[in-house]
Amino acid sequence: MDTRNFSAAERLERLPLSGYHRVIFIIIALAFFFDSMDLAMMTFLLGSIKSEFGLSSAQAGLLASSSFFGMVLGASLSGMLADRFGRKPVFQWSIVLWGVASYLCSTAQTVESLTLFRILLGIGMGMEFPIAQSMLSELIPAQRRGRYIALMDGFWPLGFVAAGVLSYFLLPLIGWRDIFLVLAVPAVFVLAIRFFIPESPRWLEQAGRHEAADKVLSAIEQRVRTSLGVATLPEPLRLPRTVTPAGNFFSALKQIWSPQYRQRTTMIWSLWFFALLGFYGLTSWLSALLQQSGFAVTQSVYYTVLISLGGIPGFLMAAWLVERWGRKPVCIVTLLGGGVMAFLYGQSAVFGGNVALLIGTGLLMQFFLFGMWAVLYTYTPELYPTSARATGSGFASAIGRVGSLLGPLVTGLVFPITGQGGVFALGALCFAIAAGVVWLFGMETRGKTLEELTELEISS
């Protein structure tokens, strides 16, 4: 059957899920995992760095926020670059940048140089996160898209746990600088991406490169047939088609604020900002706050790792529920659940710091919050068309990183005044606001192709 008269979406959506799709998922998810490790490591090293350089709480908060400042720049630029020049090259260079920056962190002898290198690291990570979700959303069929993107985000708590385990065993032996050196090694992973990850056929088609799109699609179809051991594939079905005229570098940014997408953009930016303000205001300080409560360094790292294990069943549950309940209800439930447990965790830390109570409430807090992350990364790219998907995801992530940037700073300022109870109550309030925004203005995207979602008018 000649499929050249069908669009990229029509050819991709009719493909059965195969081992080839899973290989693409694993490669992108592992890149996400290594980035997550690097970002999460500051949670476990901040106490040691604070002690070595004699930092105040406000100065430590500024250092913890430095990566997020870089992520604001990286996320906002990478989306426009990827919509203009393609997903694959931007994805590759983001990994190279964070690998080099992680190495530079290992050489830092002053807090000023470490802050600069963490900003560079943040630029690389900020570039990678929105491109990863855009790439995966454009390659996985609609019926499994939500689950796979949610599972990809699950590599975030795995990276968090891995960072904690690594720091728990290595920090007493080699110090924080050599841990950053170890984290630079996975940058060679970019070689696998160069050979195995295709450019998005949806993007190629939208960019007018129809021959290149057909070539990539034919290769994907052949690999799917080989993976499944079949001679033929299901026939494509006609889907809604949208034609986006070629524009300049800023066309996608204008598109996400057009009348059709303005409410989606306002909703998702607000969600990212308040969710990340609360999340990073708490998690960047978990280990350091435990140390402030009297726990030893290794003990605080151990408890932080233990608490973060709650995120693993959290993202697995979210990955299942987003295709059962839908994106919107799961997002609201995880935000509210995370807010309640964050408040209770803060109160348990205030009243005696009972270890069992701290761990129990902390596990449930991370269960909901990492579930929230899974929905966030699933939901965002589904709201925009191919011509603006990376830009929409990138700027949403960038606005979230502004919240990430402010979170540790606010925590560093609020903690001396209100103590841990006030810090976690503030985090709970942020999650409640984010849940309210989704409830009032969010739309459901479950089970619809990206092209169908492009045609939908806003509905609550």
Protein backbone atom coordinates (compact mmCIF):
# COMPACT_ATOMS: atom_id res chain seq x y z
CA MET A 1 0.00 0.00 0.00
CA ASP A 2 1.31 3.46 -0.95
CA THR A 3 1.19 5.54 2.24
CA ARG A 4 2.82 8.68 0.84
CA ASN A 5 -0.57 10.36 0.43
CA PHE A 6 -1.16 10.10 4.17
CA SER A 7 0.16 12.58 6.72
CA ALA A 8 2.88 11.80 9.23
CA ALA A 9 0.32 11.72 12.03
CA GLU A 10 -1.91 9.29 10.13
CA ARG A 11 1.00 6.95 9.48
CA LEU A 12 2.34 7.15 13.05
CA GLU A 13 -1.00 6.79 14.85
CA ARG A 14 -1.93 3.54 13.09
CA LEU A 15 1.30 1.80 14.17
CA PRO A 16 0.94 -0.91 16.84
CA LEU A 17 3.13 -0.33 19.87
CA SER A 18 6.33 -2.30 19.33
CA GLY A 19 9.76 -3.01 20.69
CA TYR A 20 11.07 -0.19 18.50
CA HIS A 21 8.85 2.31 20.32
CA ARG A 22 10.15 0.94 23.62
CA VAL A 23 13.78 1.40 22.53
CA ILE A 24 13.07 5.06 21.72
CA PHE A 25 11.35 5.42 25.07
CA ILE A 26 14.26 3.87 26.99
CA ILE A 27 16.87 6.09 25.31
CA ILE A 28 14.92 9.30 25.96
CA ALA A 29 14.00 8.21 29.49
CA LEU A 30 17.61 7.41 30.38
CA ALA A 31 18.73 10.83 29.21
CA PHE A 32 15.98 12.23 31.44
CA PHE A 33 17.25 10.02 34.29
CA PHE A 34 20.82 11.30 34.11
CA ASP A 35 19.64 14.90 33.97
CA SER A 36 17.45 14.27 37.01
CA MET A 37 20.37 12.82 38.93
CA ASP A 38 22.45 15.91 38.30
CA LEU A 39 19.70 18.29 39.33
CA ALA A 40 18.63 16.27 42.37
CA MET A 41 22.19 15.92 43.63
CA MET A 42 22.15 19.44 45.09
CA THR A 43 19.47 18.25 47.54
CA PHE A 44 22.01 15.85 49.05
CA LEU A 45 25.17 17.95 48.71
CA LEU A 46 23.84 21.34 49.79
CA GLY A 47 24.47 20.69 53.49
CA SER A 48 28.14 19.77 52.88
CA ILE A 49 28.71 22.66 50.48
CA LYS A 50 27.05 25.05 52.93
CA SER A 51 29.40 23.90 55.69
CA GLU A 52 32.58 24.04 53.56
CA PHE A 53 31.99 27.57 52.31
CA GLY A 54 30.38 28.83 55.54
CA LEU A 55 27.19 29.94 53.79
CA SER A 56 24.17 31.51 55.44
CA SER A 57 20.73 30.05 54.79
CA ALA A 58 20.01 32.79 52.24
CA GLN A 59 23.34 32.18 50.44
CA ALA A 60 22.72 28.43 50.36
CA GLY A 61 19.27 29.10 48.93
CA LEU A 62 20.83 31.24 46.19
CA LEU A 63 23.24 28.43 45.29
CA ALA A 64 20.43 25.87 45.27
CA SER A 65 18.47 28.16 42.95
CA SER A 66 21.30 28.77 40.48
CA SER A 67 20.52 25.70 38.35
CA PHE A 68 16.93 26.83 38.04
CA PHE A 69 18.02 30.24 36.76
CA GLY A 70 19.89 28.43 33.98
CA MET A 71 16.88 26.22 33.36
CA VAL A 72 14.70 29.28 32.75
CA LEU A 73 17.08 30.35 29.98
CA GLY A 74 17.52 26.84 28.57
CA ALA A 75 13.84 25.93 28.53
CA SER A 76 12.67 29.18 26.95
CA LEU A 77 15.30 29.09 24.19
CA SER A 78 15.24 25.37 23.43
CA GLY A 79 11.55 25.29 22.60
CA MET A 80 11.85 27.97 19.94
CA LEU A 81 15.06 26.40 18.62
CA ALA A 82 13.44 22.96 18.40
CA ASP A 83 10.35 24.30 16.63
CA ARG A 84 12.57 26.12 14.17
CA PHE A 85 15.49 23.70 13.63
CA GLY A 86 14.23 20.30 14.81
CA ARG A 87 13.95 18.27 17.99
CA LYS A 88 16.93 15.97 17.59
CA PRO A 89 19.87 18.44 17.33
CA VAL A 90 18.66 20.53 20.27
CA PHE A 91 18.19 17.37 22.34
CA GLN A 92 21.72 16.21 21.55
CA TRP A 93 23.44 19.48 22.38
CA SER A 94 21.53 19.84 25.64
CA ILE A 95 23.09 16.60 26.88
CA VAL A 96 26.59 17.67 25.84
CA LEU A 97 26.16 20.99 27.67
CA TRP A 98 25.06 19.52 30.99
CA GLY A 99 27.83 16.91 30.84
CA VAL A 100 30.52 19.58 30.39
CA ALA A 101 28.95 21.77 33.07
CA SER A 102 28.83 18.90 35.56
CA TYR A 103 32.55 18.36 35.03
CA LEU A 104 33.19 22.06 35.62
CA CYS A 105 31.27 21.85 38.91
CA SER A 106 33.82 19.30 40.08
CA THR A 107 36.58 21.89 39.60
CA ALA A 108 34.90 24.71 41.56
CA GLN A 109 37.02 26.16 44.36
CA THR A 110 34.74 29.06 45.28
CA VAL A 111 31.01 29.38 45.74
CA GLU A 112 30.94 31.99 42.96
CA SER A 113 32.44 29.61 40.38
CA LEU A 114 30.21 26.76 41.55
CA THR A 115 27.16 29.00 41.14
CA LEU A 116 28.23 29.93 37.59
CA PHE A 117 28.77 26.27 36.63
CA ARG A 118 25.41 25.29 38.12
CA ILE A 119 23.79 27.96 35.94
CA LEU A 120 25.43 26.40 32.86
CA LEU A 121 24.28 22.98 34.03
CA GLY A 122 20.78 24.35 34.39
CA ILE A 123 20.78 25.68 30.82
CA GLY A 124 21.57 22.19 29.50
CA MET A 125 18.92 20.55 31.69
CA GLY A 126 16.37 23.24 30.89
CA MET A 127 16.91 22.55 27.19
CA GLU A 128 16.51 18.79 27.56
CA PHE A 129 13.32 18.44 29.60
CA PRO A 130 10.76 20.08 27.23
CA ILE A 131 12.37 18.56 24.12
CA ALA A 132 12.21 15.06 25.64
CA GLN A 133 8.47 15.33 26.27
CA SER A 134 7.83 16.83 22.81
CA MET A 135 9.80 14.10 21.03
CA LEU A 136 8.13 11.28 22.88
CA SER A 137 4.64 12.73 22.49
CA GLU A 138 5.14 12.98 18.72
CA LEU A 139 6.42 9.42 18.28
CA ILE A 140 4.10 7.38 20.55
CA PRO A 141 0.49 6.66 19.36
CA ALA A 142 -2.30 8.50 21.20
CA GLN A 143 -3.67 5.43 23.03
CA ARG A 144 -0.36 4.89 24.84
CA ARG A 145 1.10 8.40 24.73
CA GLY A 146 0.04 9.47 28.22
CA ARG A 147 1.27 6.31 29.89
CA TYR A 148 4.70 6.41 28.24
CA ILE A 149 5.32 10.09 28.94
CA ALA A 150 4.24 9.57 32.54
CA LEU A 151 6.60 6.60 32.79
CA MET A 152 9.38 8.73 31.32
CA ASP A 153 8.84 11.22 34.09
CA GLY A 154 9.09 8.31 36.51
CA PHE A 155 12.79 8.27 35.75
CA TRP A 156 12.88 11.53 37.72
CA PRO A 157 12.28 9.93 41.15
CA LEU A 158 14.56 7.08 40.09
CA GLY A 159 17.23 9.68 39.33
CA PHE A 160 16.50 11.33 42.67
CA VAL A 161 16.92 8.04 44.51
CA ALA A 162 20.06 7.19 42.54
CA ALA A 163 21.52 10.61 43.41
CA GLY A 164 20.79 9.98 47.06
CA VAL A 165 22.30 6.49 47.04
CA LEU A 166 25.37 7.76 45.21
CA SER A 167 25.88 10.62 47.66
CA TYR A 168 25.20 8.39 50.69
CA PHE A 169 28.00 5.99 49.77
CA LEU A 170 30.43 8.34 48.00
CA LEU A 171 30.11 11.64 49.87
CA PRO A 172 32.04 10.43 52.95
CA LEU A 173 34.71 8.87 50.68
CA ILE A 174 35.37 11.29 47.84
CA GLY A 175 33.58 14.54 48.68
CA TRP A 176 31.05 16.55 46.71
CA ARG A 177 33.42 17.68 43.93
CA ASP A 178 34.24 14.18 42.74
CA ILE A 179 30.55 13.27 42.82
CA PHE A 180 29.95 15.98 40.21
CA LEU A 181 32.82 14.47 38.20
CA VAL A 182 31.13 11.05 38.26
CA LEU A 183 27.90 12.63 37.03
CA ALA A 184 29.63 14.10 33.97
CA VAL A 185 30.36 10.63 32.53
CA PRO A 186 26.83 9.88 31.18
CA ALA A 187 27.16 12.71 28.64
CA VAL A 188 28.65 10.13 26.25
CA PHE A 189 25.11 8.83 26.08
CA VAL A 190 24.56 11.42 23.34
CA LEU A 191 26.18 8.98 20.90
CA ALA A 192 23.28 6.55 21.31
CA ILE A 193 20.82 9.31 20.58
CA ARG A 194 22.64 10.23 17.36
CA PHE A 195 22.26 6.71 15.98
CA PHE A 196 18.90 5.51 17.31
CA ILE A 197 16.56 8.48 17.80
CA PRO A 198 14.92 9.77 14.60
CA GLU A 199 13.90 13.34 13.96
CA SER A 200 10.18 13.84 14.54
CA PRO A 201 8.33 13.12 11.26
CA ARG A 202 5.56 15.43 12.46
CA TRP A 203 8.05 18.27 12.74
CA LEU A 204 9.69 17.47 9.39
CA GLU A 205 6.31 17.54 7.66
CA GLN A 206 5.26 20.75 9.37
CA ALA A 207 8.59 22.32 8.30
CA GLY A 208 7.86 21.44 4.66
CA ARG A 209 10.54 18.73 4.45
CA HIS A 210 8.19 16.10 3.05
CA GLU A 211 10.81 13.84 1.46
CA ALA A 212 12.80 13.70 4.70
CA ALA A 213 9.60 12.99 6.64
CA ASP A 214 8.69 10.14 4.26
CA LYS A 215 12.18 8.67 4.58
CA VAL A 216 12.06 8.72 8.38
CA LEU A 217 8.52 7.34 8.42
CA SER A 218 9.45 4.49 6.06
CA ALA A 219 12.37 3.58 8.33
CA ILE A 220 10.12 3.64 11.41
CA GLU A 221 7.50 1.49 9.70
CA GLN A 222 10.14 -1.03 8.64
CA ARG A 223 11.53 -1.25 12.16
CA VAL A 224 8.05 -1.71 13.59
CA ARG A 225 7.34 -4.53 11.11
CA THR A 226 10.66 -6.17 12.01
CA SER A 227 10.03 -5.77 15.73
CA LEU A 228 6.54 -7.29 15.49
CA GLY A 229 7.51 -9.94 12.93
CA VAL A 230 4.73 -8.97 10.52
CA ALA A 231 4.70 -8.27 6.78
CA THR A 232 2.02 -5.57 6.77
CA LEU A 233 0.78 -2.82 9.04
CA PRO A 234 -2.78 -1.53 9.61
CA GLU A 235 -4.02 0.97 7.06
CA PRO A 236 -3.81 4.65 8.07
CA LEU A 237 -7.03 6.45 9.03
CA ARG A 238 -7.71 10.04 8.07
CA LEU A 239 -7.18 12.57 10.87
CA PRO A 240 -7.78 16.32 11.11
CA ARG A 241 -5.16 18.26 9.18
CA THR A 242 -3.86 21.66 10.11
CA VAL A 243 -1.76 23.88 7.90
CA THR A 244 0.58 26.29 9.66
CA PRO A 245 2.32 28.83 7.42
CA ALA A 246 6.07 29.09 7.70
CA GLY A 247 7.13 31.83 10.10
CA ASN A 248 10.13 33.35 11.75
CA PHE A 249 11.89 32.40 14.98
CA PHE A 250 9.16 33.98 17.13
CA SER A 251 6.11 32.66 15.24
CA ALA A 252 5.53 29.78 17.65
CA LEU A 253 5.65 32.15 20.63
CA LYS A 254 2.95 34.28 19.00
CA GLN A 255 0.92 31.15 18.28
CA ILE A 256 0.75 29.97 21.90
CA TRP A 257 -0.74 33.36 22.82
CA SER A 258 -3.21 33.39 19.94
CA PRO A 259 -6.94 33.37 20.87
CA GLN A 260 -7.16 29.58 20.38
CA TYR A 261 -4.32 28.77 22.81
CA ARG A 262 -4.33 31.74 25.19
CA GLN A 263 -6.35 30.04 27.94
CA ARG A 264 -4.34 26.83 27.64
CA THR A 265 -1.11 28.82 27.98
CA THR A 266 -2.33 30.82 30.98
CA MET A 267 -3.49 27.64 32.71
CA ILE A 268 -0.35 25.59 32.10
CA TRP A 269 2.03 28.44 32.98
CA SER A 270 0.21 28.97 36.29
CA LEU A 271 0.26 25.25 37.00
CA TRP A 272 4.00 24.96 36.35
CA PHE A 273 4.85 28.07 38.38
CA PHE A 274 2.96 27.20 41.56
CA ALA A 275 3.68 23.46 41.42
CA LEU A 276 7.43 23.98 41.05
CA LEU A 277 7.55 26.85 43.53
CA GLY A 278 6.13 24.48 46.13
CA PHE A 279 8.06 21.39 45.08
CA TYR A 280 11.56 22.86 44.90
CA GLY A 281 11.00 25.13 47.85
CA LEU A 282 10.65 21.91 49.84
CA THR A 283 12.78 19.22 48.18
CA SER A 284 15.91 21.32 47.60
CA TRP A 285 16.06 21.76 51.36
CA LEU A 286 14.90 18.36 52.61
CA SER A 287 18.34 17.12 53.58
CA ALA A 288 19.55 20.47 54.90
CA LEU A 289 16.37 20.95 56.96
CA LEU A 290 16.83 17.53 58.53
CA GLN A 291 20.37 18.56 59.43
CA GLN A 292 18.95 21.75 60.98
CA SER A 293 16.72 19.48 63.11
CA GLY A 294 19.77 17.75 64.54
CA PHE A 295 20.32 14.78 62.23
CA ALA A 296 23.87 13.99 61.08
CA VAL A 297 24.79 14.54 57.41
CA THR A 298 24.76 10.87 56.41
CA GLN A 299 21.63 10.28 58.47
CA SER A 300 19.79 13.18 56.79
CA VAL A 301 20.84 11.93 53.34
CA TYR A 302 19.63 8.44 54.24
CA TYR A 303 16.21 9.69 55.39
CA THR A 304 15.86 11.92 52.31
CA VAL A 305 16.56 8.95 50.03
CA LEU A 306 14.11 6.82 52.00
CA ILE A 307 11.40 9.46 51.71
CA SER A 308 11.98 9.84 47.97
CA LEU A 309 11.23 6.13 47.44
CA GLY A 310 7.57 7.06 47.80
CA GLY A 311 7.82 8.71 44.40
CA ILE A 312 8.29 5.37 42.60
CA PRO A 313 4.80 3.92 43.27
CA GLY A 314 3.51 7.49 42.88
CA PHE A 315 4.56 7.88 39.26
CA LEU A 316 3.57 4.29 38.44
CA MET A 317 0.08 4.92 39.79
CA ALA A 318 -0.14 8.21 37.87
CA ALA A 319 1.03 6.52 34.65
CA TRP A 320 -1.86 4.07 34.98
CA LEU A 321 -4.48 6.60 36.05
CA VAL A 322 -3.83 9.20 33.32
CA GLU A 323 -5.25 6.72 30.78
CA ARG A 324 -8.07 5.61 33.12
CA TRP A 325 -9.26 8.80 34.80
CA GLY A 326 -7.69 11.37 32.50
CA ARG A 327 -5.02 14.02 32.88
CA LYS A 328 -7.11 16.69 34.60
CA PRO A 329 -8.51 14.72 37.58
CA VAL A 330 -5.19 12.96 38.27
CA CYS A 331 -3.39 16.31 38.22
CA ILE A 332 -5.82 17.80 40.74
CA VAL A 333 -5.75 14.78 43.06
CA THR A 334 -1.94 14.54 43.13
CA LEU A 335 -1.55 18.27 43.80
CA LEU A 336 -4.07 18.28 46.64
CA GLY A 337 -2.68 15.05 48.11
CA GLY A 338 0.85 16.43 47.93
CA GLY A 339 -0.27 19.66 49.60
CA VAL A 340 -1.97 17.89 52.51
CA MET A 341 1.00 15.60 53.12
CA ALA A 342 3.52 18.47 52.82
CA PHE A 343 1.63 20.35 55.55
CA LEU A 344 1.54 17.26 57.80
CA TYR A 345 5.24 16.58 57.16
CA GLY A 346 6.07 20.10 58.27
CA GLN A 347 4.02 19.72 61.44
CA SER A 348 5.68 16.38 62.26
CA ALA A 349 9.07 18.05 61.92
CA VAL A 350 7.98 20.81 64.31
CA PHE A 351 6.54 18.60 67.04
CA GLY A 352 9.49 16.54 68.13
CA GLY A 353 10.78 15.28 64.78
CA ASN A 354 9.55 11.72 65.38
CA VAL A 355 11.42 9.65 62.80
CA ALA A 356 8.58 7.24 62.01
CA LEU A 357 6.13 10.13 61.53
CA LEU A 358 8.62 12.08 59.42
CA ILE A 359 9.26 9.13 57.13
CA GLY A 360 5.59 8.15 56.88
CA THR A 361 4.34 11.62 55.95
CA GLY A 362 7.40 12.18 53.76
CA LEU A 363 6.77 8.98 51.80
CA LEU A 364 3.16 9.97 51.13
CA MET A 365 4.20 13.51 50.22
CA GLN A 366 6.62 12.24 47.57
CA PHE A 367 4.07 9.67 46.38
CA PHE A 368 1.68 12.44 45.40
CA LEU A 369 4.27 14.95 44.23
CA PHE A 370 6.08 12.62 41.86
CA GLY A 371 2.69 11.52 40.57
CA MET A 372 2.05 15.22 39.92
CA TRP A 373 5.27 15.42 37.91
CA ALA A 374 4.18 12.49 35.75
CA VAL A 375 0.91 14.23 34.86
CA LEU A 376 2.64 17.56 34.27
CA TYR A 377 4.98 16.17 31.63
CA THR A 378 2.17 14.20 30.01
CA TYR A 379 -0.30 17.08 29.90
CA THR A 380 1.85 19.98 28.66
CA PRO A 381 2.87 18.93 25.10
CA GLU A 382 -0.67 17.75 24.35
CA LEU A 383 -2.00 21.31 24.56
CA TYR A 384 -0.13 22.66 21.52
CA PRO A 385 0.20 21.97 17.77
CA THR A 386 3.39 20.55 16.22
CA SER A 387 4.44 24.00 14.99
CA ALA A 388 4.50 25.32 18.57
CA ARG A 389 4.69 22.21 20.75
CA ALA A 390 8.32 22.55 21.84
CA THR A 391 7.92 26.31 22.33
CA GLY A 392 4.77 25.82 24.40
CA SER A 393 6.39 23.09 26.49
CA GLY A 394 9.64 25.04 26.78
CA PHE A 395 8.07 28.25 28.00
CA ALA A 396 5.78 26.42 30.42
CA SER A 397 8.87 24.70 31.80
CA ALA A 398 10.71 28.04 31.89
CA ILE A 399 7.92 29.66 33.90
CA GLY A 400 8.03 26.64 36.20
CA ARG A 401 11.77 27.14 36.60
CA VAL A 402 11.11 30.69 37.75
CA GLY A 403 9.10 29.04 40.51
CA SER A 404 11.99 26.59 41.02
CA LEU A 405 14.36 29.54 41.25
CA LEU A 406 12.23 31.34 43.80
CA GLY A 407 11.38 28.24 45.86
CA PRO A 408 14.75 27.60 47.55
CA LEU A 409 15.30 31.36 47.94
CA VAL A 410 11.93 31.82 49.64
CA THR A 411 12.59 28.81 51.85
CA GLY A 412 15.96 30.23 52.88
CA LEU A 413 14.29 33.51 53.84
CA VAL A 414 11.14 32.08 55.46
CA PHE A 415 12.77 29.31 57.50
CA PRO A 416 14.52 31.58 60.07
CA ILE A 417 11.18 33.36 60.66
CA THR A 418 8.56 30.59 60.62
CA GLY A 419 10.58 27.40 61.03
CA GLN A 420 9.88 24.17 59.17
CA GLY A 421 6.15 24.28 59.85
CA GLY A 422 5.79 27.57 58.00
CA VAL A 423 7.96 26.41 55.10
CA PHE A 424 5.87 23.31 54.45
CA ALA A 425 2.57 25.18 54.97
CA LEU A 426 3.68 27.62 52.25
CA GLY A 427 4.47 24.69 49.95
CA ALA A 428 1.03 23.19 50.61
CA LEU A 429 -0.61 26.51 49.70
CA CYS A 430 1.25 26.57 46.36
CA PHE A 431 -0.03 23.08 45.49
CA ALA A 432 -3.59 24.06 46.41
CA ILE A 433 -3.45 27.11 44.12
CA ALA A 434 -2.11 24.97 41.25
CA ALA A 435 -4.92 22.44 41.73
CA GLY A 436 -7.50 25.23 41.66
CA VAL A 437 -6.16 26.59 38.39
CA VAL A 438 -6.40 23.17 36.71
CA TRP A 439 -9.90 22.56 38.07
CA LEU A 440 -11.18 25.90 36.77
CA PHE A 441 -9.38 26.24 33.44
CA GLY A 442 -7.91 22.85 32.46
CA MET A 443 -9.14 20.73 29.54
CA GLU A 444 -9.09 16.94 29.19
CA THR A 445 -6.76 15.45 26.55
CA ARG A 446 -7.00 11.71 27.24
CA GLY A 447 -7.32 9.43 24.19
CA LYS A 448 -7.15 12.17 21.56
CA THR A 449 -4.49 12.49 18.87
CA LEU A 450 -2.32 15.59 18.93
CA GLU A 451 -4.02 16.76 15.74
CA GLU A 452 -7.50 16.35 17.25
CA LEU A 453 -6.43 18.40 20.26
CA THR A 454 -5.16 21.13 17.95
CA GLU A 455 -8.69 21.54 16.58
CA LEU A 456 -10.48 21.56 19.94
CA GLU A 457 -11.89 24.73 21.38
CA ILE A 458 -11.28 25.30 25.07
CA SER A 459 -13.64 23.49 27.40
CA SER A 460 -13.40 22.87 31.09
